[in-house]
Amino acid sequence: MAEAKVIHLHSETPRGVYNRYRREAMAFKRLFPEQRFSLVDFARLVARNIAGDMREAAHRKSLSKNLAEIMWFRWMQFWGTYQGYRHPGPVTQQLRKTFYYPPRNQATSVQAARNIEPIRYNQPD
């Protein structure tokens, strides 16, 4: 039986979270144009998800450590969703660039922060 550890880690900035959910909402709206996401939906989902995350963090005795991240993540998640639904026009080349090609220094700083040796598939064991 093989033993392996899989680590799933997001090192996202608030702006990155906002852009990810905005991009997803824009795509979802194109697939389902009849769907809506109002300010009431935004407020309801922010409140509900923050409360749920806080309950879970308190249960794990990590609320004080995670409170700020919970707050900004949920705010940016649903604010990005709201703004994505409101996007009026086509997805321009500049918008694609913003979404899919972050500034070079951001990408390299995340990579530099990893202290894990990458898997080298083309080298023998």
C-alpha atoms as a PDB file:
ATOM      1  CA  MET A   1       0.000   0.000   0.000  1.00  0.00           C
ATOM      2  CA  ALA A   2       1.470   3.331  -1.056  1.00  0.00           C
ATOM      3  CA  GLU A   3       1.571   6.200   1.361  1.00  0.00           C
ATOM      4  CA  ALA A   4       1.527   9.736   0.043  1.00  0.00           C
ATOM      5  CA  LYS A   5       0.717  13.110   1.410  1.00  0.00           C
ATOM      6  CA  VAL A   6      -1.211  15.600  -0.689  1.00  0.00           C
ATOM      7  CA  ILE A   7      -1.059  19.210   0.373  1.00  0.00           C
ATOM      8  CA  HIS A   8      -3.598  21.632  -1.055  1.00  0.00           C
ATOM      9  CA  LEU A   9      -2.558  25.168  -0.291  1.00  0.00           C
ATOM     10  CA  HIS A  10      -3.846  28.527  -1.464  1.00  0.00           C
ATOM     11  CA  SER A  11      -1.645  31.515  -0.835  1.00  0.00           C
ATOM     12  CA  GLU A  12      -4.085  34.030  -2.212  1.00  0.00           C
ATOM     13  CA  THR A  13      -4.232  37.713  -1.625  1.00  0.00           C
ATOM     14  CA  PRO A  14      -7.555  39.467  -1.089  1.00  0.00           C
ATOM     15  CA  ARG A  15      -7.273  40.825  -4.645  1.00  0.00           C
ATOM     16  CA  GLY A  16      -6.650  37.311  -5.974  1.00  0.00           C
ATOM     17  CA  VAL A  17      -9.738  35.950  -4.211  1.00  0.00           C
ATOM     18  CA  TYR A  18     -11.815  38.865  -5.541  1.00  0.00           C
ATOM     19  CA  ASN A  19     -10.601  38.273  -9.106  1.00  0.00           C
ATOM     20  CA  ARG A  20     -11.166  34.519  -8.935  1.00  0.00           C
ATOM     21  CA  TYR A  21     -14.787  34.822  -7.821  1.00  0.00           C
ATOM     22  CA  ARG A  22     -15.469  37.749 -10.157  1.00  0.00           C
ATOM     23  CA  ARG A  23     -14.144  35.702 -13.088  1.00  0.00           C
ATOM     24  CA  GLU A  24     -16.233  32.676 -12.081  1.00  0.00           C
ATOM     25  CA  ALA A  25     -19.388  34.785 -11.707  1.00  0.00           C
ATOM     26  CA  MET A  26     -18.864  36.323 -15.133  1.00  0.00           C
ATOM     27  CA  ALA A  27     -18.558  32.859 -16.664  1.00  0.00           C
ATOM     28  CA  PHE A  28     -21.565  31.543 -14.733  1.00  0.00           C
ATOM     29  CA  LYS A  29     -23.676  34.512 -15.870  1.00  0.00           C
ATOM     30  CA  ARG A  30     -22.784  33.780 -19.485  1.00  0.00           C
ATOM     31  CA  LEU A  31     -23.870  30.155 -19.068  1.00  0.00           C
ATOM     32  CA  PHE A  32     -27.026  31.000 -17.113  1.00  0.00           C
ATOM     33  CA  PRO A  33     -28.044  34.560 -18.072  1.00  0.00           C
ATOM     34  CA  GLU A  34     -31.322  34.314 -16.165  1.00  0.00           C
ATOM     35  CA  GLN A  35     -29.498  33.974 -12.829  1.00  0.00           C
ATOM     36  CA  ARG A  36     -29.127  36.987 -10.531  1.00  0.00           C
ATOM     37  CA  PHE A  37     -26.933  37.903  -7.558  1.00  0.00           C
ATOM     38  CA  SER A  38     -28.169  40.987  -5.712  1.00  0.00           C
ATOM     39  CA  LEU A  39     -26.794  43.113  -2.900  1.00  0.00           C
ATOM     40  CA  VAL A  40     -29.217  41.267  -0.625  1.00  0.00           C
ATOM     41  CA  ASP A  41     -27.654  37.955  -1.749  1.00  0.00           C
ATOM     42  CA  PHE A  42     -24.206  39.444  -1.105  1.00  0.00           C
ATOM     43  CA  ALA A  43     -25.100  40.575   2.438  1.00  0.00           C
ATOM     44  CA  ARG A  44     -26.909  37.336   3.295  1.00  0.00           C
ATOM     45  CA  LEU A  45     -24.113  35.076   2.075  1.00  0.00           C
ATOM     46  CA  VAL A  46     -21.320  37.127   3.661  1.00  0.00           C
ATOM     47  CA  ALA A  47     -23.094  37.042   7.025  1.00  0.00           C
ATOM     48  CA  ARG A  48     -24.031  33.351   6.809  1.00  0.00           C
ATOM     49  CA  ASN A  49     -20.592  32.174   5.705  1.00  0.00           C
ATOM     50  CA  ILE A  50     -18.668  34.323   8.183  1.00  0.00           C
ATOM     51  CA  ALA A  51     -20.880  33.017  11.001  1.00  0.00           C
ATOM     52  CA  GLY A  52     -20.345  29.422   9.892  1.00  0.00           C
ATOM     53  CA  ASP A  53     -16.598  29.854   9.533  1.00  0.00           C
ATOM     54  CA  MET A  54     -16.400  31.509  12.946  1.00  0.00           C
ATOM     55  CA  ARG A  55     -18.335  28.638  14.542  1.00  0.00           C
ATOM     56  CA  GLU A  56     -16.005  26.093  12.968  1.00  0.00           C
ATOM     57  CA  ALA A  57     -12.876  28.037  13.946  1.00  0.00           C
ATOM     58  CA  ALA A  58     -14.168  28.417  17.516  1.00  0.00           C
ATOM     59  CA  HIS A  59     -14.857  24.672  17.637  1.00  0.00           C
ATOM     60  CA  ARG A  60     -11.256  24.077  16.561  1.00  0.00           C
ATOM     61  CA  LYS A  61     -10.053  26.679  19.077  1.00  0.00           C
ATOM     62  CA  SER A  62      -8.489  28.789  16.328  1.00  0.00           C
ATOM     63  CA  LEU A  63     -10.911  31.700  16.023  1.00  0.00           C
ATOM     64  CA  SER A  64      -8.551  34.445  17.173  1.00  0.00           C
ATOM     65  CA  LYS A  65      -5.866  33.183  14.795  1.00  0.00           C
ATOM     66  CA  ASN A  66      -8.209  33.004  11.783  1.00  0.00           C
ATOM     67  CA  LEU A  67     -10.759  35.766  12.327  1.00  0.00           C
ATOM     68  CA  ALA A  68      -9.163  38.381  10.068  1.00  0.00           C
ATOM     69  CA  GLU A  69      -8.671  35.898   7.234  1.00  0.00           C
ATOM     70  CA  ILE A  70     -12.236  34.641   7.569  1.00  0.00           C
ATOM     71  CA  MET A  71     -13.539  38.182   7.320  1.00  0.00           C
ATOM     72  CA  TRP A  72     -11.531  39.315   4.289  1.00  0.00           C
ATOM     73  CA  PHE A  73     -11.874  36.016   2.427  1.00  0.00           C
ATOM     74  CA  ARG A  74     -15.668  35.869   2.650  1.00  0.00           C
ATOM     75  CA  TRP A  75     -16.030  39.581   1.896  1.00  0.00           C
ATOM     76  CA  MET A  76     -13.853  39.349  -1.216  1.00  0.00           C
ATOM     77  CA  GLN A  77     -15.444  36.051  -2.291  1.00  0.00           C
ATOM     78  CA  PHE A  78     -18.938  37.455  -2.417  1.00  0.00           C
ATOM     79  CA  TRP A  79     -17.967  40.982  -3.472  1.00  0.00           C
ATOM     80  CA  GLY A  80     -16.165  39.445  -6.461  1.00  0.00           C
ATOM     81  CA  THR A  81     -19.241  37.347  -7.202  1.00  0.00           C
ATOM     82  CA  TYR A  82     -21.503  40.399  -7.010  1.00  0.00           C
ATOM     83  CA  GLN A  83     -19.217  42.439  -9.271  1.00  0.00           C
ATOM     84  CA  GLY A  84     -18.893  39.550 -11.743  1.00  0.00           C
ATOM     85  CA  TYR A  85     -22.665  39.359 -12.101  1.00  0.00           C
ATOM     86  CA  ARG A  86     -22.771  43.114 -12.711  1.00  0.00           C
ATOM     87  CA  HIS A  87     -20.118  43.085 -15.456  1.00  0.00           C
ATOM     88  CA  PRO A  88     -21.945  44.611 -18.431  1.00  0.00           C
ATOM     89  CA  GLY A  89     -19.808  43.939 -21.466  1.00  0.00           C
ATOM     90  CA  PRO A  90     -17.578  41.412 -23.119  1.00  0.00           C
ATOM     91  CA  VAL A  91     -14.452  39.967 -21.568  1.00  0.00           C
ATOM     92  CA  THR A  92     -11.687  42.056 -23.120  1.00  0.00           C
ATOM     93  CA  GLN A  93      -8.079  41.070 -23.651  1.00  0.00           C
ATOM     94  CA  GLN A  94      -7.056  43.462 -20.842  1.00  0.00           C
ATOM     95  CA  LEU A  95      -9.527  41.813 -18.458  1.00  0.00           C
ATOM     96  CA  ARG A  96      -8.230  38.355 -19.385  1.00  0.00           C
ATOM     97  CA  LYS A  97      -4.703  39.562 -18.710  1.00  0.00           C
ATOM     98  CA  THR A  98      -5.734  40.851 -15.279  1.00  0.00           C
ATOM     99  CA  PHE A  99      -7.422  37.559 -14.411  1.00  0.00           C
ATOM    100  CA  TYR A 100      -4.947  35.051 -15.783  1.00  0.00           C
ATOM    101  CA  TYR A 101      -1.555  36.747 -15.703  1.00  0.00           C
ATOM    102  CA  PRO A 102      -0.871  38.308 -12.301  1.00  0.00           C
ATOM    103  CA  PRO A 103       2.088  40.653 -11.898  1.00  0.00           C
ATOM    104  CA  ARG A 104       5.355  38.746 -12.113  1.00  0.00           C
ATOM    105  CA  ASN A 105       6.543  39.682  -8.633  1.00  0.00           C
ATOM    106  CA  GLN A 106       3.372  38.237  -7.069  1.00  0.00           C
ATOM    107  CA  ALA A 107       3.818  34.861  -8.744  1.00  0.00           C
ATOM    108  CA  THR A 108       7.498  34.626  -7.884  1.00  0.00           C
ATOM    109  CA  SER A 109       6.986  35.609  -4.249  1.00  0.00           C
ATOM    110  CA  VAL A 110       4.509  32.753  -3.782  1.00  0.00           C
ATOM    111  CA  GLN A 111       6.899  30.332  -5.448  1.00  0.00           C
ATOM    112  CA  ALA A 112       9.828  31.565  -3.353  1.00  0.00           C
ATOM    113  CA  ALA A 113       7.820  31.066  -0.164  1.00  0.00           C
ATOM    114  CA  ARG A 114       7.477  27.329  -0.875  1.00  0.00           C
ATOM    115  CA  ASN A 115      10.096  25.349   0.939  1.00  0.00           C
ATOM    116  CA  ILE A 116       9.218  22.089  -0.796  1.00  0.00           C
ATOM    117  CA  GLU A 117      11.345  20.294  -3.348  1.00  0.00           C
ATOM    118  CA  PRO A 118       9.305  19.886  -6.550  1.00  0.00           C
ATOM    119  CA  ILE A 119       8.725  16.449  -8.050  1.00  0.00           C
ATOM    120  CA  ARG A 120      11.148  15.816 -10.882  1.00  0.00           C
ATOM    121  CA  TYR A 121       9.334  13.396 -13.163  1.00  0.00           C
ATOM    122  CA  ASN A 122      12.100  13.028 -15.723  1.00  0.00           C
ATOM    123  CA  GLN A 123      14.819  11.968 -13.264  1.00  0.00           C
ATOM    124  CA  PRO A 124      15.263   8.348 -12.105  1.00  0.00           C
ATOM    125  CA  ASP A 125      14.823   7.515  -8.418  1.00  0.00           C
END
